[in-house]
């Protein structure tokens, strides 16, 4: 099997981090891919800003300042421009991008991409459109994130949950908009409904620290709506989120142009939680309109769809069953196999 090196110079994390607390989507996906490739028989090493060297679930996590191997079969440079040319002895280099590729429209990225011409892995069709056709690259490949097995194989809710909606994304991604819509057009029509907000800066490490003040302003807005059924819960580990989804009637999320995959919606859908979104960014790739949730073209349509899911148990059951049937198909084993197809 192949020798694979994955490298990241962003926040500090390792394979144990998702087991201890919340972790952002890009970082948790990095962990999942590394562990799945290792489980499939490959030799997998990581170089990143982990606090200390650790071997976990078959992956050798090493600090970025530790010695690097001279050669590997596959090198996955994750997000940062400093990683692109870091492994010249690799037989094959892949650049894995997670955010809208507009951040790569800088000279420090473009000249390195022009020199190395790595294959670029995007995580969705919308995501791929954010990197211009003229920009340098090798092959351009779309490999969606896998949905973690804990969500795909978890026992879903057997009974109809109470009228409880959830929000599990970044508070700066239109949570303020949702709170206004909830207080004005959703909760008044379903007075016993609750909106549980699993959100906060802790999920995003040091990056979250820099935006904590802006996030806190939105979270304070949520706190002030306690009498409207808004319950501020804060971010939780994935294992707890599985239990929370069993008691959720729907996930409400507007979407964001910076959302290139949206694990929050994908994880909920895999557990049979219908989602209501708007046609913004990549969320339309996570929801099958009318079968696993609703893609609402207007604020009024969004509110109406949310009210129906919270109040109509038969409608919830139809979309719940649809999500379970359609949204558990693509996991990390499928994604890892797609990465393997890029091996030299």
Protein backbone atom coordinates (compact mmCIF):
# COMPACT_ATOMS: atom_id res chain seq x y z
CA UNK A 1 0.00 0.00 0.00
CA UNK A 2 1.01 3.64 -0.30
CA UNK A 3 3.03 5.88 1.97
CA UNK A 4 0.99 9.06 2.47
CA UNK A 5 1.94 12.35 4.11
CA UNK A 6 -0.67 14.98 5.00
CA UNK A 7 0.37 18.46 6.12
CA UNK A 8 -1.43 21.47 7.61
CA UNK A 9 -0.12 24.69 9.14
CA UNK A 10 -3.38 26.05 10.56
CA UNK A 11 -4.65 25.61 14.12
CA UNK A 12 -3.35 23.05 16.62
CA UNK A 13 -5.18 19.69 16.57
CA UNK A 14 -4.56 15.95 16.33
CA UNK A 15 -6.55 12.75 16.05
CA UNK A 16 -7.72 12.91 19.64
CA UNK A 17 -9.12 16.43 19.40
CA UNK A 18 -12.59 15.48 18.04
CA UNK A 19 -12.97 13.03 20.93
CA UNK A 20 -12.38 15.76 23.50
CA UNK A 21 -14.49 18.64 22.20
CA UNK A 22 -15.80 20.55 19.18
CA UNK A 23 -13.62 20.92 16.08
CA UNK A 24 -14.19 22.77 12.81
CA UNK A 25 -15.31 20.97 9.67
CA UNK A 26 -12.03 21.26 7.75
CA UNK A 27 -9.98 19.99 10.68
CA UNK A 28 -12.35 17.14 11.56
CA UNK A 29 -12.39 16.12 7.88
CA UNK A 30 -8.58 16.11 7.83
CA UNK A 31 -8.63 13.74 10.82
CA UNK A 32 -11.27 11.51 9.24
CA UNK A 33 -9.42 11.19 5.94
CA UNK A 34 -6.11 10.39 7.65
CA UNK A 35 -7.67 7.74 9.88
CA UNK A 36 -9.67 6.18 7.05
CA UNK A 37 -6.64 5.95 4.75
CA UNK A 38 -4.73 4.29 7.58
CA UNK A 39 -7.61 1.86 8.20
CA UNK A 40 -7.49 0.95 4.50
CA UNK A 41 -3.90 -0.23 4.93
CA UNK A 42 -1.83 2.81 3.98
CA UNK A 43 1.08 4.21 5.97
CA UNK A 44 -0.16 7.67 6.99
CA UNK A 45 1.86 10.43 8.62
CA UNK A 46 0.83 13.99 9.48
CA UNK A 47 2.89 17.13 9.93
CA UNK A 48 0.95 19.91 11.61
CA UNK A 49 0.85 22.10 14.72
CA UNK A 50 -0.20 19.30 17.05
CA UNK A 51 0.93 19.90 20.64
CA UNK A 52 3.03 16.75 20.73
CA UNK A 53 3.90 13.65 18.73
CA UNK A 54 1.24 10.97 19.00
CA UNK A 55 0.23 7.76 17.22
CA UNK A 56 -3.55 7.45 17.13
CA UNK A 57 -5.79 5.10 15.15
CA UNK A 58 -2.96 4.14 12.82
CA UNK A 59 -1.89 7.73 12.05
CA UNK A 60 1.50 9.11 13.08
CA UNK A 61 0.89 12.71 14.16
CA UNK A 62 4.13 14.70 14.26
CA UNK A 63 4.81 18.36 14.86
CA UNK A 64 5.46 20.37 11.71
CA UNK A 65 8.97 21.22 12.92
CA UNK A 66 9.91 17.53 13.15
CA UNK A 67 11.92 15.93 10.29
CA UNK A 68 9.95 15.25 7.12
CA UNK A 69 10.43 12.11 4.99
CA UNK A 70 12.47 12.49 1.83
CA UNK A 71 9.83 10.87 -0.34
CA UNK A 72 6.25 9.59 -0.17
CA UNK A 73 3.84 8.20 -2.72
CA UNK A 74 1.17 10.82 -2.05
CA UNK A 75 1.51 14.21 -0.39
CA UNK A 76 -1.66 16.06 0.62
CA UNK A 77 -0.94 19.76 1.14
CA UNK A 78 -3.85 21.12 3.14
CA UNK A 79 -5.07 24.68 2.50
CA UNK A 80 -1.94 26.76 3.16
CA UNK A 81 0.39 28.09 0.47
CA UNK A 82 3.47 27.25 2.56
CA UNK A 83 2.61 23.57 2.23
CA UNK A 84 2.49 23.45 -1.58
CA UNK A 85 6.25 23.13 -2.23
CA UNK A 86 7.18 21.63 1.13
CA UNK A 87 7.51 18.02 -0.10
CA UNK A 88 9.52 18.08 -3.37
CA UNK A 89 10.33 14.37 -3.18
CA UNK A 90 6.69 13.27 -3.29
CA UNK A 91 5.72 11.15 -6.26
CA UNK A 92 2.35 12.93 -6.35
CA UNK A 93 1.19 16.18 -4.72
CA UNK A 94 -2.42 17.13 -4.08
CA UNK A 95 -3.62 20.50 -2.82
CA UNK A 96 -6.76 20.06 -0.69
CA UNK A 97 -8.77 23.27 -0.41
CA UNK A 98 -11.79 23.76 1.85
CA UNK A 99 -12.82 27.41 1.65
CA UNK A 100 -13.94 29.42 -1.37
CA UNK A 101 -10.86 29.49 -3.60
CA UNK A 102 -10.88 33.28 -3.80
CA UNK A 103 -8.36 33.15 -0.95
CA UNK A 104 -5.95 31.51 -3.43
CA UNK A 105 -6.05 34.51 -5.78
CA UNK A 106 -2.87 35.88 -4.25
CA UNK A 107 0.61 35.86 -5.73
CA UNK A 108 2.01 33.68 -2.94
CA UNK A 109 -0.43 30.94 -3.98
CA UNK A 110 -0.47 31.43 -7.72
CA UNK A 111 3.27 31.24 -8.37
CA UNK A 112 3.58 28.09 -6.26
CA UNK A 113 0.59 26.52 -8.00
CA UNK A 114 2.14 27.43 -11.37
CA UNK A 115 5.46 25.82 -10.42
CA UNK A 116 4.08 22.63 -8.86
CA UNK A 117 0.80 22.19 -10.78
CA UNK A 118 -0.70 19.95 -8.11
CA UNK A 119 -4.06 18.34 -8.59
CA UNK A 120 -6.62 20.36 -6.62
CA UNK A 121 -9.28 18.57 -4.62
CA UNK A 122 -12.47 20.59 -4.09
CA UNK A 123 -15.22 19.41 -1.75
CA UNK A 124 -18.23 20.20 -3.91
CA UNK A 125 -19.43 21.41 -7.29
CA UNK A 126 -20.14 24.92 -6.03
CA UNK A 127 -16.73 24.99 -4.39
CA UNK A 128 -15.01 24.10 -7.70
CA UNK A 129 -16.58 27.13 -9.40
CA UNK A 130 -14.77 29.48 -7.01
CA UNK A 131 -11.37 28.77 -8.63
CA UNK A 132 -11.14 30.49 -12.04
CA UNK A 133 -10.49 28.44 -15.16
CA UNK A 134 -7.37 30.49 -15.95
CA UNK A 135 -5.72 29.84 -12.59
CA UNK A 136 -2.84 27.31 -12.56
CA UNK A 137 -3.39 23.74 -11.44
CA UNK A 138 -3.08 20.12 -12.37
CA UNK A 139 -6.30 18.13 -12.54
CA UNK A 140 -9.32 19.54 -10.75
CA UNK A 141 -11.22 16.92 -8.82
CA UNK A 142 -14.37 17.10 -6.70
CA UNK A 143 -14.34 14.75 -3.70
CA UNK A 144 -17.07 15.57 -1.17
CA UNK A 145 -16.40 15.16 2.51
CA UNK A 146 -17.49 11.83 3.86
CA UNK A 147 -20.24 11.91 6.45
CA UNK A 148 -18.73 10.47 9.65
CA UNK A 149 -19.77 6.91 10.42
CA UNK A 150 -21.14 7.90 13.83
CA UNK A 151 -23.91 9.81 12.03
CA UNK A 152 -24.42 7.38 9.13
CA UNK A 153 -24.83 4.33 11.36
CA UNK A 154 -26.43 5.89 14.43
CA UNK A 155 -29.85 4.71 15.45
CA UNK A 156 -32.21 7.53 14.41
CA UNK A 157 -35.17 8.79 16.35
CA UNK A 158 -37.97 6.20 16.41
CA UNK A 159 -40.60 8.54 17.77
CA UNK A 160 -41.51 11.94 16.40
CA UNK A 161 -39.31 14.40 18.29
CA UNK A 162 -40.78 17.40 20.10
CA UNK A 163 -41.07 20.65 18.10
CA UNK A 164 -37.39 21.44 18.53
CA UNK A 165 -35.26 23.04 15.82
CA UNK A 166 -31.46 23.14 15.93
CA UNK A 167 -28.72 25.40 14.58
CA UNK A 168 -25.21 23.88 14.58
CA UNK A 169 -23.12 26.22 12.42
CA UNK A 170 -20.93 29.28 12.91
CA UNK A 171 -22.90 32.06 14.70
CA UNK A 172 -21.58 34.54 12.14
CA UNK A 173 -23.28 32.62 9.34
CA UNK A 174 -26.70 34.25 9.54
CA UNK A 175 -27.68 33.15 13.02
CA UNK A 176 -28.84 36.74 13.64
CA UNK A 177 -31.09 36.47 10.57
CA UNK A 178 -32.51 33.17 11.81
CA UNK A 179 -33.17 34.55 15.27
CA UNK A 180 -35.14 37.45 13.81
CA UNK A 181 -37.14 35.09 11.61
CA UNK A 182 -37.72 32.71 14.50
CA UNK A 183 -39.00 35.41 16.83
CA UNK A 184 -41.14 37.13 14.21
CA UNK A 185 -42.52 34.42 11.90
CA UNK A 186 -41.84 30.90 13.22
CA UNK A 187 -42.24 30.64 17.01
CA UNK A 188 -45.44 32.73 17.17
CA UNK A 189 -47.12 30.09 14.95
CA UNK A 190 -45.77 27.18 17.04
CA UNK A 191 -45.70 28.65 20.58
CA UNK A 192 -44.30 25.49 22.21
CA UNK A 193 -41.41 25.22 19.75
CA UNK A 194 -37.77 25.61 20.78
CA UNK A 195 -34.65 26.56 18.84
CA UNK A 196 -31.50 25.02 20.32
CA UNK A 197 -28.31 26.82 19.27
CA UNK A 198 -25.14 24.69 19.33
CA UNK A 199 -22.66 27.34 18.34
CA UNK A 200 -19.70 29.32 19.61
CA UNK A 201 -16.07 30.30 19.14
CA UNK A 202 -14.58 27.16 20.73
CA UNK A 203 -15.15 25.12 17.55
CA UNK A 204 -12.72 27.24 15.57
CA UNK A 205 -9.63 27.28 17.80
CA UNK A 206 -7.37 30.34 17.54
CA UNK A 207 -9.29 31.51 14.47
CA UNK A 208 -12.41 31.62 16.59
CA UNK A 209 -10.58 33.68 19.21
CA UNK A 210 -10.09 36.51 16.73
CA UNK A 211 -13.82 36.62 15.99
CA UNK A 212 -15.07 35.88 19.49
CA UNK A 213 -16.37 39.42 20.07
CA UNK A 214 -18.50 39.41 16.91
CA UNK A 215 -19.74 35.91 17.71
CA UNK A 216 -20.63 36.91 21.26
CA UNK A 217 -22.81 39.74 20.01
CA UNK A 218 -24.94 37.28 18.05
CA UNK A 219 -25.00 34.76 20.88
CA UNK A 220 -26.18 37.52 23.23
CA UNK A 221 -29.07 38.08 20.82
CA UNK A 222 -29.91 34.38 21.15
CA UNK A 223 -29.70 34.58 24.95
CA UNK A 224 -32.14 37.47 24.95
CA UNK A 225 -34.77 35.37 23.16
CA UNK A 226 -35.16 32.81 25.94
CA UNK A 227 -38.86 33.60 26.28
CA UNK A 228 -39.24 32.87 22.55
CA UNK A 229 -37.98 29.33 23.06
CA UNK A 230 -34.36 29.96 22.07
CA UNK A 231 -31.96 27.80 24.10
CA UNK A 232 -28.27 28.66 23.86
CA UNK A 233 -26.36 25.40 24.28
CA UNK A 234 -22.86 26.16 22.96
CA UNK A 235 -20.74 23.85 20.77
CA UNK A 236 -20.60 20.16 21.76
CA UNK A 237 -18.50 17.13 20.75
CA UNK A 238 -19.73 15.08 17.79
CA UNK A 239 -20.75 12.15 19.99
CA UNK A 240 -23.15 14.37 21.94
CA UNK A 241 -24.46 15.90 18.73
CA UNK A 242 -25.63 12.44 17.66
CA UNK A 243 -27.86 12.31 20.73
CA UNK A 244 -29.09 15.86 20.17
CA UNK A 245 -30.13 15.10 16.59
CA UNK A 246 -32.36 12.28 17.87
CA UNK A 247 -34.43 14.87 19.70
CA UNK A 248 -34.51 17.43 16.87
CA UNK A 249 -37.45 17.94 14.51
CA UNK A 250 -35.45 19.99 11.99
CA UNK A 251 -32.24 21.90 11.32
CA UNK A 252 -32.62 25.52 10.25
CA UNK A 253 -29.79 27.21 8.35
CA UNK A 254 -29.90 29.96 5.75
CA UNK A 255 -26.63 29.02 4.05
CA UNK A 256 -23.62 31.18 3.26
CA UNK A 257 -21.60 31.93 0.12
CA UNK A 258 -18.52 30.87 2.07
CA UNK A 259 -20.07 27.47 2.82
CA UNK A 260 -18.38 25.01 0.47
CA UNK A 261 -19.79 21.75 1.88
CA UNK A 262 -21.71 22.27 5.14
CA UNK A 263 -21.10 19.29 7.39
CA UNK A 264 -23.67 20.71 9.81
CA UNK A 265 -26.45 19.97 7.32
CA UNK A 266 -24.86 16.74 6.06
CA UNK A 267 -24.54 15.24 9.54
CA UNK A 268 -28.10 16.14 10.47
CA UNK A 269 -29.48 14.74 7.21
CA UNK A 270 -27.66 11.43 7.76
CA UNK A 271 -29.58 11.03 11.03
CA UNK A 272 -32.89 11.76 9.37
CA UNK A 273 -33.21 15.36 10.51
CA UNK A 274 -34.98 17.39 7.79
CA UNK A 275 -33.26 20.68 6.96
CA UNK A 276 -34.61 24.00 5.80
CA UNK A 277 -32.09 26.09 3.84
CA UNK A 278 -32.00 28.80 1.22
CA UNK A 279 -30.35 28.44 -2.23
CA UNK A 280 -27.04 29.95 -1.11
CA UNK A 281 -23.59 28.40 -1.51
CA UNK A 282 -23.24 24.66 -1.20
CA UNK A 283 -26.17 23.81 1.06
CA UNK A 284 -28.29 22.99 -1.98
CA UNK A 285 -25.92 20.04 -2.54
CA UNK A 286 -26.79 18.63 0.91
CA UNK A 287 -30.61 18.79 0.72
CA UNK A 288 -32.95 17.07 -1.72
CA UNK A 289 -35.78 19.59 -1.97
CA UNK A 290 -39.13 18.12 -1.00
CA UNK A 291 -37.63 14.73 -0.09
CA UNK A 292 -35.13 15.35 2.72
CA UNK A 293 -35.91 18.97 3.52
CA UNK A 294 -36.78 22.26 1.87
CA UNK A 295 -34.75 24.74 -0.20
CA UNK A 296 -36.69 27.93 0.38
CA UNK A 297 -36.37 30.77 -2.13
CA UNK A 298 -37.57 33.50 0.25
CA UNK A 299 -37.66 34.30 3.94
CA UNK A 300 -41.41 33.72 3.98
CA UNK A 301 -41.02 30.30 2.34
CA UNK A 302 -38.29 29.43 4.84
CA UNK A 303 -40.49 30.34 7.79
CA UNK A 304 -43.47 28.44 6.34
CA UNK A 305 -41.34 25.31 5.80
CA UNK A 306 -40.00 25.50 9.35
CA UNK A 307 -43.48 25.92 10.81
CA UNK A 308 -44.79 22.95 8.84
CA UNK A 309 -41.98 20.67 10.04
CA UNK A 310 -42.44 21.77 13.63
CA UNK A 311 -46.22 21.38 13.59
CA UNK A 312 -47.00 18.60 11.07
CA UNK A 313 -45.81 15.22 12.34
CA UNK A 314 -46.80 13.34 9.16
CA UNK A 315 -44.79 15.77 7.05
CA UNK A 316 -41.81 15.38 9.34
CA UNK A 317 -42.03 11.59 9.03
CA UNK A 318 -42.00 11.77 5.22
CA UNK A 319 -38.88 13.93 5.08
CA UNK A 320 -37.22 12.03 7.95
CA UNK A 321 -37.60 8.75 6.06
CA UNK A 322 -36.36 10.39 2.87
CA UNK A 323 -33.22 11.69 4.57
CA UNK A 324 -32.42 8.27 6.01
CA UNK A 325 -32.90 6.65 2.61
CA UNK A 326 -30.87 9.15 0.59
CA UNK A 327 -28.33 10.87 2.84
CA UNK A 328 -26.34 8.01 4.36
CA UNK A 329 -24.67 6.81 1.17
CA UNK A 330 -21.32 8.65 1.08
CA UNK A 331 -18.91 8.10 3.94
CA UNK A 332 -15.20 8.55 4.55
CA UNK A 333 -14.41 5.16 3.06
CA UNK A 334 -15.88 6.41 -0.24
CA UNK A 335 -13.95 9.68 -0.01
CA UNK A 336 -10.70 7.86 0.84
CA UNK A 337 -11.19 5.57 -2.14
CA UNK A 338 -11.57 8.63 -4.36
CA UNK A 339 -8.27 10.01 -2.98
CA UNK A 340 -6.64 6.65 -3.69
CA UNK A 341 -7.60 7.00 -7.35
CA UNK A 342 -5.20 9.97 -7.47
CA UNK A 343 -2.19 7.88 -6.41
CA UNK A 344 0.62 7.72 -9.01
